[in-house]
Amino acid sequence: MTLAIDIGNTNIVIGLFDSEEWKYVWRLETKKAENLLFYSYKVNDMLWEAGIDVGNIETKVLSTVVPELKELFIELLEKLNDNKLVVLDKLIYNKLGILISNPYEIGSDLVANALAAYKMYKDNIIVIDFGTALTFTVINNRGELIGVNIAPGLKTAINALVGNTSQLPKVDLIMPLNPIGTNTVEAIQNGVLIGYVGLVKYMIKVINSYLGETHKVVVTGGLSLVIAPHVGDIDFIEPNLTLYGLKFAGDIV
């Protein structure tokens, strides 16, 4: 049984893997100011409600792009039980079986995505992660992580637009039927959502053209289902790709 925790800037995703599947996947809002007691209660309560004996968790794996919470969660996981704890960071990247061009800058979540995609699909791959940031991680069929492109995520883009403009309302991330906005909400939805479809399609095209090879496209992230159906160049949708990467890291290290 593996417990994987991925701490992002918006959400903390916690997955429990057992018997070849993710038995549970939980989400918490990331709160940088909260303390060990707060998060210990949340995690232990989730496990207790699911009927999980923490002694049966053989491997615990942590990834975080929020430095303020790293040591806190290490302590939390150490106190959970005495079994194996793996922290996915630059200290272990060389043990993962993939070659990372710039290990001191890349986020551990992107490394987890690359590791999972390479182990699962063994091909030239572009991983597109629809999270707080929209990221494109490129891996070749030799397991070399070539590089990453980053754009603002969908919610980030809309919140930046709405938050800085007093007359604009809250906008839901729903693809409109009419490609020309007839009211303010539709105008923003079209500008961002249809615009991001174009961004994703063109980014895939440019990467393939530059490298002179086609790539399998794997998408993940909480908002992937909003955009992916409209892109047309998607080969796999794996909502738990980052968690799989953490599990694989726990198996390897």
C-alpha atoms as a PDB file:
ATOM      1  CA  MET A   1       0.000   0.000   0.000  1.00  0.00           C
ATOM      2  CA  THR A   2       1.400   3.408  -1.035  1.00  0.00           C
ATOM      3  CA  LEU A   3       0.368   6.831   0.255  1.00  0.00           C
ATOM      4  CA  ALA A   4       1.285   9.600  -2.203  1.00  0.00           C
ATOM      5  CA  ILE A   5       0.974  13.308  -1.440  1.00  0.00           C
ATOM      6  CA  ASP A   6       1.418  16.013  -4.070  1.00  0.00           C
ATOM      7  CA  ILE A   7       1.375  19.554  -2.676  1.00  0.00           C
ATOM      8  CA  GLY A   8       0.574  22.196  -5.269  1.00  0.00           C
ATOM      9  CA  ASN A   9       0.006  25.911  -4.935  1.00  0.00           C
ATOM     10  CA  THR A  10      -3.785  25.524  -5.064  1.00  0.00           C
ATOM     11  CA  ASN A  11      -4.529  21.982  -3.905  1.00  0.00           C
ATOM     12  CA  ILE A  12      -2.947  19.113  -1.999  1.00  0.00           C
ATOM     13  CA  VAL A  13      -3.757  15.799  -3.680  1.00  0.00           C
ATOM     14  CA  ILE A  14      -3.508  12.679  -1.530  1.00  0.00           C
ATOM     15  CA  GLY A  15      -3.779   9.222  -3.065  1.00  0.00           C
ATOM     16  CA  LEU A  16      -3.826   5.728  -1.575  1.00  0.00           C
ATOM     17  CA  PHE A  17      -2.689   2.993  -3.974  1.00  0.00           C
ATOM     18  CA  ASP A  18      -3.465  -0.646  -3.238  1.00  0.00           C
ATOM     19  CA  SER A  19      -4.168  -3.773  -5.285  1.00  0.00           C
ATOM     20  CA  GLU A  20      -3.104  -2.148  -8.571  1.00  0.00           C
ATOM     21  CA  GLU A  21      -5.422   0.869  -8.320  1.00  0.00           C
ATOM     22  CA  TRP A  22      -5.971   4.161  -6.560  1.00  0.00           C
ATOM     23  CA  LYS A  23      -8.442   3.185  -3.874  1.00  0.00           C
ATOM     24  CA  TYR A  24      -8.866   6.760  -2.668  1.00  0.00           C
ATOM     25  CA  VAL A  25      -7.918  10.193  -3.981  1.00  0.00           C
ATOM     26  CA  TRP A  26      -8.558  13.168  -1.729  1.00  0.00           C
ATOM     27  CA  ARG A  27      -8.069  16.906  -2.265  1.00  0.00           C
ATOM     28  CA  LEU A  28      -7.360  19.615   0.273  1.00  0.00           C
ATOM     29  CA  GLU A  29      -6.999  23.316  -0.290  1.00  0.00           C
ATOM     30  CA  THR A  30      -3.370  24.373   0.106  1.00  0.00           C
ATOM     31  CA  LYS A  31      -3.087  26.650   3.142  1.00  0.00           C
ATOM     32  CA  LYS A  32       0.509  27.761   3.616  1.00  0.00           C
ATOM     33  CA  ALA A  33      -0.110  29.351   7.004  1.00  0.00           C
ATOM     34  CA  GLU A  34      -1.574  26.245   8.668  1.00  0.00           C
ATOM     35  CA  ASN A  35       0.448  24.157  11.128  1.00  0.00           C
ATOM     36  CA  LEU A  36       1.323  20.508  11.655  1.00  0.00           C
ATOM     37  CA  LEU A  37      -1.661  19.868  13.921  1.00  0.00           C
ATOM     38  CA  PHE A  38      -4.100  21.109  11.267  1.00  0.00           C
ATOM     39  CA  TYR A  39      -2.732  18.908   8.479  1.00  0.00           C
ATOM     40  CA  SER A  40      -2.186  15.897  10.735  1.00  0.00           C
ATOM     41  CA  TYR A  41      -5.823  16.012  11.732  1.00  0.00           C
ATOM     42  CA  LYS A  42      -6.949  16.292   8.101  1.00  0.00           C
ATOM     43  CA  VAL A  43      -4.811  13.413   6.824  1.00  0.00           C
ATOM     44  CA  ASN A  44      -5.463  11.077   9.742  1.00  0.00           C
ATOM     45  CA  ASP A  45      -9.188  11.800   9.606  1.00  0.00           C
ATOM     46  CA  MET A  46      -9.298  10.884   5.906  1.00  0.00           C
ATOM     47  CA  LEU A  47      -7.477   7.629   6.545  1.00  0.00           C
ATOM     48  CA  TRP A  48      -9.643   6.818   9.562  1.00  0.00           C
ATOM     49  CA  GLU A  49     -12.901   7.445   7.674  1.00  0.00           C
ATOM     50  CA  ALA A  50     -11.667   5.157   4.890  1.00  0.00           C
ATOM     51  CA  GLY A  51     -10.902   2.436   7.421  1.00  0.00           C
ATOM     52  CA  ILE A  52      -7.166   2.436   6.675  1.00  0.00           C
ATOM     53  CA  ASP A  53      -4.758   1.014   9.231  1.00  0.00           C
ATOM     54  CA  VAL A  54      -1.752   3.345   8.895  1.00  0.00           C
ATOM     55  CA  GLY A  55       0.539   0.471   9.846  1.00  0.00           C
ATOM     56  CA  ASN A  56      -0.356  -1.153   6.512  1.00  0.00           C
ATOM     57  CA  ILE A  57       0.985   1.786   4.509  1.00  0.00           C
ATOM     58  CA  GLU A  58       4.308   0.385   3.308  1.00  0.00           C
ATOM     59  CA  THR A  59       5.572   3.411   1.362  1.00  0.00           C
ATOM     60  CA  LYS A  60       4.926   7.137   1.744  1.00  0.00           C
ATOM     61  CA  VAL A  61       5.932   9.496  -1.051  1.00  0.00           C
ATOM     62  CA  LEU A  62       5.891  13.298  -0.941  1.00  0.00           C
ATOM     63  CA  SER A  63       6.212  15.940  -3.633  1.00  0.00           C
ATOM     64  CA  THR A  64       5.775  19.653  -3.055  1.00  0.00           C
ATOM     65  CA  VAL A  65       6.230  22.899  -4.959  1.00  0.00           C
ATOM     66  CA  VAL A  66       5.380  24.806  -1.763  1.00  0.00           C
ATOM     67  CA  PRO A  67       8.613  25.038   0.279  1.00  0.00           C
ATOM     68  CA  GLU A  68       6.759  26.296   3.370  1.00  0.00           C
ATOM     69  CA  LEU A  69       4.995  22.935   3.721  1.00  0.00           C
ATOM     70  CA  LYS A  70       7.849  20.538   2.908  1.00  0.00           C
ATOM     71  CA  GLU A  71       9.295  19.971   6.378  1.00  0.00           C
ATOM     72  CA  LEU A  72       5.831  20.013   7.930  1.00  0.00           C
ATOM     73  CA  PHE A  73       4.639  17.131   5.742  1.00  0.00           C
ATOM     74  CA  ILE A  74       7.884  15.211   6.181  1.00  0.00           C
ATOM     75  CA  GLU A  75       7.281  15.337   9.926  1.00  0.00           C
ATOM     76  CA  LEU A  76       3.632  14.387   9.457  1.00  0.00           C
ATOM     77  CA  LEU A  77       4.551  11.328   7.375  1.00  0.00           C
ATOM     78  CA  GLU A  78       7.350  10.299   9.720  1.00  0.00           C
ATOM     79  CA  LYS A  79       4.879  10.305  12.603  1.00  0.00           C
ATOM     80  CA  LEU A  80       2.280   8.366  10.610  1.00  0.00           C
ATOM     81  CA  ASN A  81       4.349   5.170  10.845  1.00  0.00           C
ATOM     82  CA  ASP A  82       7.976   4.006  10.716  1.00  0.00           C
ATOM     83  CA  ASN A  83       7.839   2.658   7.169  1.00  0.00           C
ATOM     84  CA  LYS A  84       9.632   3.915   4.058  1.00  0.00           C
ATOM     85  CA  LEU A  85       9.404   7.635   3.249  1.00  0.00           C
ATOM     86  CA  VAL A  86      10.541   9.016  -0.112  1.00  0.00           C
ATOM     87  CA  VAL A  87      10.704  12.750  -0.786  1.00  0.00           C
ATOM     88  CA  LEU A  88      10.743  13.494  -4.505  1.00  0.00           C
ATOM     89  CA  ASP A  89      13.298  16.261  -4.960  1.00  0.00           C
ATOM     90  CA  LYS A  90      16.589  16.944  -6.744  1.00  0.00           C
ATOM     91  CA  LEU A  91      18.490  14.710  -4.301  1.00  0.00           C
ATOM     92  CA  ILE A  92      16.948  11.575  -5.823  1.00  0.00           C
ATOM     93  CA  TYR A  93      16.271  12.603  -9.439  1.00  0.00           C
ATOM     94  CA  ASN A  94      19.352  10.659 -10.598  1.00  0.00           C
ATOM     95  CA  LYS A  95      17.842   7.435  -9.263  1.00  0.00           C
ATOM     96  CA  LEU A  96      14.583   7.601 -11.226  1.00  0.00           C
ATOM     97  CA  GLY A  97      15.702   6.200 -14.577  1.00  0.00           C
ATOM     98  CA  ILE A  98      15.035   9.399 -16.506  1.00  0.00           C
ATOM     99  CA  LEU A  99      17.547  12.059 -17.525  1.00  0.00           C
ATOM    100  CA  ILE A 100      16.625  15.597 -16.433  1.00  0.00           C
ATOM    101  CA  SER A 101      18.312  18.451 -18.268  1.00  0.00           C
ATOM    102  CA  ASN A 102      18.084  20.985 -15.431  1.00  0.00           C
ATOM    103  CA  PRO A 103      17.333  19.192 -12.140  1.00  0.00           C
ATOM    104  CA  TYR A 104      17.906  22.243  -9.943  1.00  0.00           C
ATOM    105  CA  GLU A 105      15.086  24.266 -11.512  1.00  0.00           C
ATOM    106  CA  ILE A 106      12.361  21.819 -12.465  1.00  0.00           C
ATOM    107  CA  GLY A 107       9.439  21.264 -10.083  1.00  0.00           C
ATOM    108  CA  SER A 108       8.984  17.853  -8.523  1.00  0.00           C
ATOM    109  CA  ASP A 109       5.423  17.619  -9.848  1.00  0.00           C
ATOM    110  CA  LEU A 110       6.726  17.885 -13.417  1.00  0.00           C
ATOM    111  CA  VAL A 111       9.345  15.223 -12.684  1.00  0.00           C
ATOM    112  CA  ALA A 112       6.586  12.958 -11.353  1.00  0.00           C
ATOM    113  CA  ASN A 113       4.556  13.554 -14.525  1.00  0.00           C
ATOM    114  CA  ALA A 114       7.551  12.767 -16.725  1.00  0.00           C
ATOM    115  CA  LEU A 115       8.433   9.620 -14.788  1.00  0.00           C
ATOM    116  CA  ALA A 116       4.879   8.303 -14.937  1.00  0.00           C
ATOM    117  CA  ALA A 117       4.396   9.102 -18.619  1.00  0.00           C
ATOM    118  CA  TYR A 118       7.686   7.495 -19.636  1.00  0.00           C
ATOM    119  CA  LYS A 119       7.103   4.323 -17.612  1.00  0.00           C
ATOM    120  CA  MET A 120       3.500   3.995 -18.797  1.00  0.00           C
ATOM    121  CA  TYR A 121       3.860   4.856 -22.500  1.00  0.00           C
ATOM    122  CA  LYS A 122       7.573   4.437 -23.455  1.00  0.00           C
ATOM    123  CA  ASP A 123       7.459   6.888 -26.369  1.00  0.00           C
ATOM    124  CA  ASN A 124       8.136  10.481 -27.338  1.00  0.00           C
ATOM    125  CA  ILE A 125       5.695  12.262 -25.060  1.00  0.00           C
ATOM    126  CA  ILE A 126       4.303  15.709 -24.322  1.00  0.00           C
ATOM    127  CA  VAL A 127       2.656  15.836 -20.902  1.00  0.00           C
ATOM    128  CA  ILE A 128       0.161  18.677 -20.576  1.00  0.00           C
ATOM    129  CA  ASP A 129      -0.829  19.454 -16.994  1.00  0.00           C
ATOM    130  CA  PHE A 130      -3.842  21.718 -16.510  1.00  0.00           C
ATOM    131  CA  GLY A 131      -3.191  23.024 -13.016  1.00  0.00           C
ATOM    132  CA  THR A 132      -2.496  26.379 -11.411  1.00  0.00           C
ATOM    133  CA  ALA A 133      -0.028  26.683 -14.281  1.00  0.00           C
ATOM    134  CA  LEU A 134      -0.502  25.100 -17.690  1.00  0.00           C
ATOM    135  CA  THR A 135       2.664  23.092 -18.289  1.00  0.00           C
ATOM    136  CA  PHE A 136       4.046  21.189 -21.280  1.00  0.00           C
ATOM    137  CA  THR A 137       6.730  18.653 -20.320  1.00  0.00           C
ATOM    138  CA  VAL A 138       8.612  16.997 -23.185  1.00  0.00           C
ATOM    139  CA  ILE A 139      10.208  13.550 -22.826  1.00  0.00           C
ATOM    140  CA  ASN A 140      11.839  11.550 -25.613  1.00  0.00           C
ATOM    141  CA  ASN A 141      11.677   7.789 -26.106  1.00  0.00           C
ATOM    142  CA  ARG A 142      15.038   7.363 -24.341  1.00  0.00           C
ATOM    143  CA  GLY A 143      13.647   8.751 -21.107  1.00  0.00           C
ATOM    144  CA  GLU A 144      15.286  12.177 -21.416  1.00  0.00           C
ATOM    145  CA  LEU A 145      13.258  15.064 -20.040  1.00  0.00           C
ATOM    146  CA  ILE A 146      14.132  17.655 -22.685  1.00  0.00           C
ATOM    147  CA  GLY A 147      12.368  20.672 -21.246  1.00  0.00           C
ATOM    148  CA  VAL A 148       9.198  22.393 -20.100  1.00  0.00           C
ATOM    149  CA  ASN A 149       6.984  25.255 -21.283  1.00  0.00           C
ATOM    150  CA  ILE A 150       4.789  27.107 -18.789  1.00  0.00           C
ATOM    151  CA  ALA A 151       1.734  29.340 -19.255  1.00  0.00           C
ATOM    152  CA  PRO A 152      -0.818  30.636 -16.731  1.00  0.00           C
ATOM    153  CA  GLY A 153      -3.470  28.040 -15.896  1.00  0.00           C
ATOM    154  CA  LEU A 154      -7.105  28.540 -16.861  1.00  0.00           C
ATOM    155  CA  LYS A 155      -8.245  29.663 -13.430  1.00  0.00           C
ATOM    156  CA  THR A 156      -5.148  31.790 -13.013  1.00  0.00           C
ATOM    157  CA  ALA A 157      -5.853  33.583 -16.286  1.00  0.00           C
ATOM    158  CA  ILE A 158      -9.521  34.185 -15.526  1.00  0.00           C
ATOM    159  CA  ASN A 159      -8.873  35.251 -11.932  1.00  0.00           C
ATOM    160  CA  ALA A 160      -6.191  37.675 -13.071  1.00  0.00           C
ATOM    161  CA  LEU A 161      -8.597  39.198 -15.578  1.00  0.00           C
ATOM    162  CA  VAL A 162     -11.620  39.362 -13.292  1.00  0.00           C
ATOM    163  CA  GLY A 163      -9.658  40.308 -10.187  1.00  0.00           C
ATOM    164  CA  ASN A 164      -8.147  43.367 -11.824  1.00  0.00           C
ATOM    165  CA  THR A 165     -11.343  44.607 -13.475  1.00  0.00           C
ATOM    166  CA  SER A 166     -14.090  45.818 -11.150  1.00  0.00           C
ATOM    167  CA  GLN A 167     -16.993  45.439 -13.590  1.00  0.00           C
ATOM    168  CA  LEU A 168     -16.299  41.822 -14.596  1.00  0.00           C
ATOM    169  CA  PRO A 169     -18.306  39.034 -12.857  1.00  0.00           C
ATOM    170  CA  LYS A 170     -17.197  35.620 -11.631  1.00  0.00           C
ATOM    171  CA  VAL A 171     -16.867  33.295 -14.630  1.00  0.00           C
ATOM    172  CA  ASP A 172     -17.356  29.506 -14.656  1.00  0.00           C
ATOM    173  CA  LEU A 173     -14.982  27.365 -16.698  1.00  0.00           C
ATOM    174  CA  ILE A 174     -17.592  26.116 -19.177  1.00  0.00           C
ATOM    175  CA  MET A 175     -16.957  26.014 -22.914  1.00  0.00           C
ATOM    176  CA  PRO A 176     -19.693  28.165 -24.526  1.00  0.00           C
ATOM    177  CA  LEU A 177     -21.671  26.999 -27.556  1.00  0.00           C
ATOM    178  CA  ASN A 178     -21.479  30.362 -29.289  1.00  0.00           C
ATOM    179  CA  PRO A 179     -17.895  31.232 -30.316  1.00  0.00           C
ATOM    180  CA  ILE A 180     -18.729  34.939 -30.277  1.00  0.00           C
ATOM    181  CA  GLY A 181     -19.594  36.276 -26.841  1.00  0.00           C
ATOM    182  CA  THR A 182     -22.937  38.032 -26.560  1.00  0.00           C
ATOM    183  CA  ASN A 183     -22.517  38.990 -22.917  1.00  0.00           C
ATOM    184  CA  THR A 184     -19.620  39.603 -20.547  1.00  0.00           C
ATOM    185  CA  VAL A 185     -19.442  36.052 -19.180  1.00  0.00           C
ATOM    186  CA  GLU A 186     -19.453  34.487 -22.651  1.00  0.00           C
ATOM    187  CA  ALA A 187     -16.882  37.005 -23.836  1.00  0.00           C
ATOM    188  CA  ILE A 188     -14.432  35.945 -21.107  1.00  0.00           C
ATOM    189  CA  GLN A 189     -15.191  32.245 -21.525  1.00  0.00           C
ATOM    190  CA  ASN A 190     -14.567  32.463 -25.266  1.00  0.00           C
ATOM    191  CA  GLY A 191     -11.439  34.549 -24.915  1.00  0.00           C
ATOM    192  CA  VAL A 192      -9.841  32.246 -22.359  1.00  0.00           C
ATOM    193  CA  LEU A 193     -11.230  28.778 -23.117  1.00  0.00           C
ATOM    194  CA  ILE A 194     -11.271  28.905 -26.913  1.00  0.00           C
ATOM    195  CA  GLY A 195      -7.995  30.803 -26.759  1.00  0.00           C
ATOM    196  CA  TYR A 196      -6.425  28.048 -24.661  1.00  0.00           C
ATOM    197  CA  VAL A 197      -7.588  25.379 -27.107  1.00  0.00           C
ATOM    198  CA  GLY A 198      -5.628  27.252 -29.739  1.00  0.00           C
ATOM    199  CA  LEU A 199      -2.650  27.635 -27.398  1.00  0.00           C
ATOM    200  CA  VAL A 200      -2.522  23.897 -26.672  1.00  0.00           C
ATOM    201  CA  LYS A 201      -2.935  22.849 -30.307  1.00  0.00           C
ATOM    202  CA  TYR A 202      -0.244  25.244 -31.503  1.00  0.00           C
ATOM    203  CA  MET A 203       2.181  24.310 -28.736  1.00  0.00           C
ATOM    204  CA  ILE A 204       1.899  20.627 -29.703  1.00  0.00           C
ATOM    205  CA  LYS A 205       2.443  21.540 -33.365  1.00  0.00           C
ATOM    206  CA  VAL A 206       5.505  23.701 -32.660  1.00  0.00           C
ATOM    207  CA  ILE A 207       7.166  21.100 -30.405  1.00  0.00           C
ATOM    208  CA  ASN A 208       6.646  18.326 -32.958  1.00  0.00           C
ATOM    209  CA  SER A 209       7.915  20.527 -35.764  1.00  0.00           C
ATOM    210  CA  TYR A 210      11.012  21.686 -33.873  1.00  0.00           C
ATOM    211  CA  LEU A 211      12.022  18.174 -32.799  1.00  0.00           C
ATOM    212  CA  GLY A 212      11.098  16.621 -36.141  1.00  0.00           C
ATOM    213  CA  GLU A 213       9.147  13.828 -34.457  1.00  0.00           C
ATOM    214  CA  THR A 214       5.585  13.230 -33.417  1.00  0.00           C
ATOM    215  CA  HIS A 215       4.849  12.853 -29.734  1.00  0.00           C
ATOM    216  CA  LYS A 216       2.143  11.056 -27.839  1.00  0.00           C
ATOM    217  CA  VAL A 217       0.139  13.656 -25.919  1.00  0.00           C
ATOM    218  CA  VAL A 218      -0.841  12.850 -22.334  1.00  0.00           C
ATOM    219  CA  VAL A 219      -3.002  15.276 -20.374  1.00  0.00           C
ATOM    220  CA  THR A 220      -3.606  15.488 -16.655  1.00  0.00           C
ATOM    221  CA  GLY A 221      -4.744  17.997 -14.057  1.00  0.00           C
ATOM    222  CA  GLY A 222      -8.100  18.937 -12.612  1.00  0.00           C
ATOM    223  CA  LEU A 223      -9.141  21.109 -15.573  1.00  0.00           C
ATOM    224  CA  SER A 224      -7.980  18.786 -18.352  1.00  0.00           C
ATOM    225  CA  LEU A 225     -11.513  17.670 -19.179  1.00  0.00           C
ATOM    226  CA  VAL A 226     -12.557  21.254 -19.950  1.00  0.00           C
ATOM    227  CA  ILE A 227     -10.056  21.721 -22.771  1.00  0.00           C
ATOM    228  CA  ALA A 228      -8.908  18.249 -23.872  1.00  0.00           C
ATOM    229  CA  PRO A 229     -12.117  17.233 -25.731  1.00  0.00           C
ATOM    230  CA  HIS A 230     -11.761  20.285 -27.981  1.00  0.00           C
ATOM    231  CA  VAL A 231      -8.086  19.895 -28.871  1.00  0.00           C
ATOM    232  CA  GLY A 232      -8.284  16.760 -31.025  1.00  0.00           C
ATOM    233  CA  ASP A 233      -4.609  15.783 -30.625  1.00  0.00           C
ATOM    234  CA  ILE A 234      -4.858  14.019 -27.250  1.00  0.00           C
ATOM    235  CA  ASP A 235      -3.790  10.373 -26.976  1.00  0.00           C
ATOM    236  CA  PHE A 236      -4.299   9.720 -23.248  1.00  0.00           C
ATOM    237  CA  ILE A 237      -6.118  11.404 -20.394  1.00  0.00           C
ATOM    238  CA  GLU A 238      -4.772  10.322 -16.981  1.00  0.00           C
ATOM    239  CA  PRO A 239      -6.117  12.383 -14.063  1.00  0.00           C
ATOM    240  CA  ASN A 240      -3.799  10.616 -11.593  1.00  0.00           C
ATOM    241  CA  LEU A 241      -0.594  10.898 -13.619  1.00  0.00           C
ATOM    242  CA  THR A 242       1.297  12.849 -10.940  1.00  0.00           C
ATOM    243  CA  LEU A 243       0.267  10.361  -8.265  1.00  0.00           C
ATOM    244  CA  TYR A 244       1.450   7.497 -10.481  1.00  0.00           C
ATOM    245  CA  GLY A 245       4.797   9.255 -10.793  1.00  0.00           C
ATOM    246  CA  LEU A 246       5.069   9.449  -7.022  1.00  0.00           C
ATOM    247  CA  LYS A 247       4.198   5.779  -6.680  1.00  0.00           C
ATOM    248  CA  PHE A 248       6.839   4.821  -9.258  1.00  0.00           C
ATOM    249  CA  ALA A 249       9.399   6.965  -7.417  1.00  0.00           C
ATOM    250  CA  GLY A 250       8.528   5.157  -4.203  1.00  0.00           C
ATOM    251  CA  ASP A 251       8.997   1.804  -5.927  1.00  0.00           C
ATOM    252  CA  ILE A 252      12.367   2.782  -7.425  1.00  0.00           C
ATOM    253  CA  VAL A 253      14.133   4.590  -4.590  1.00  0.00           C
END
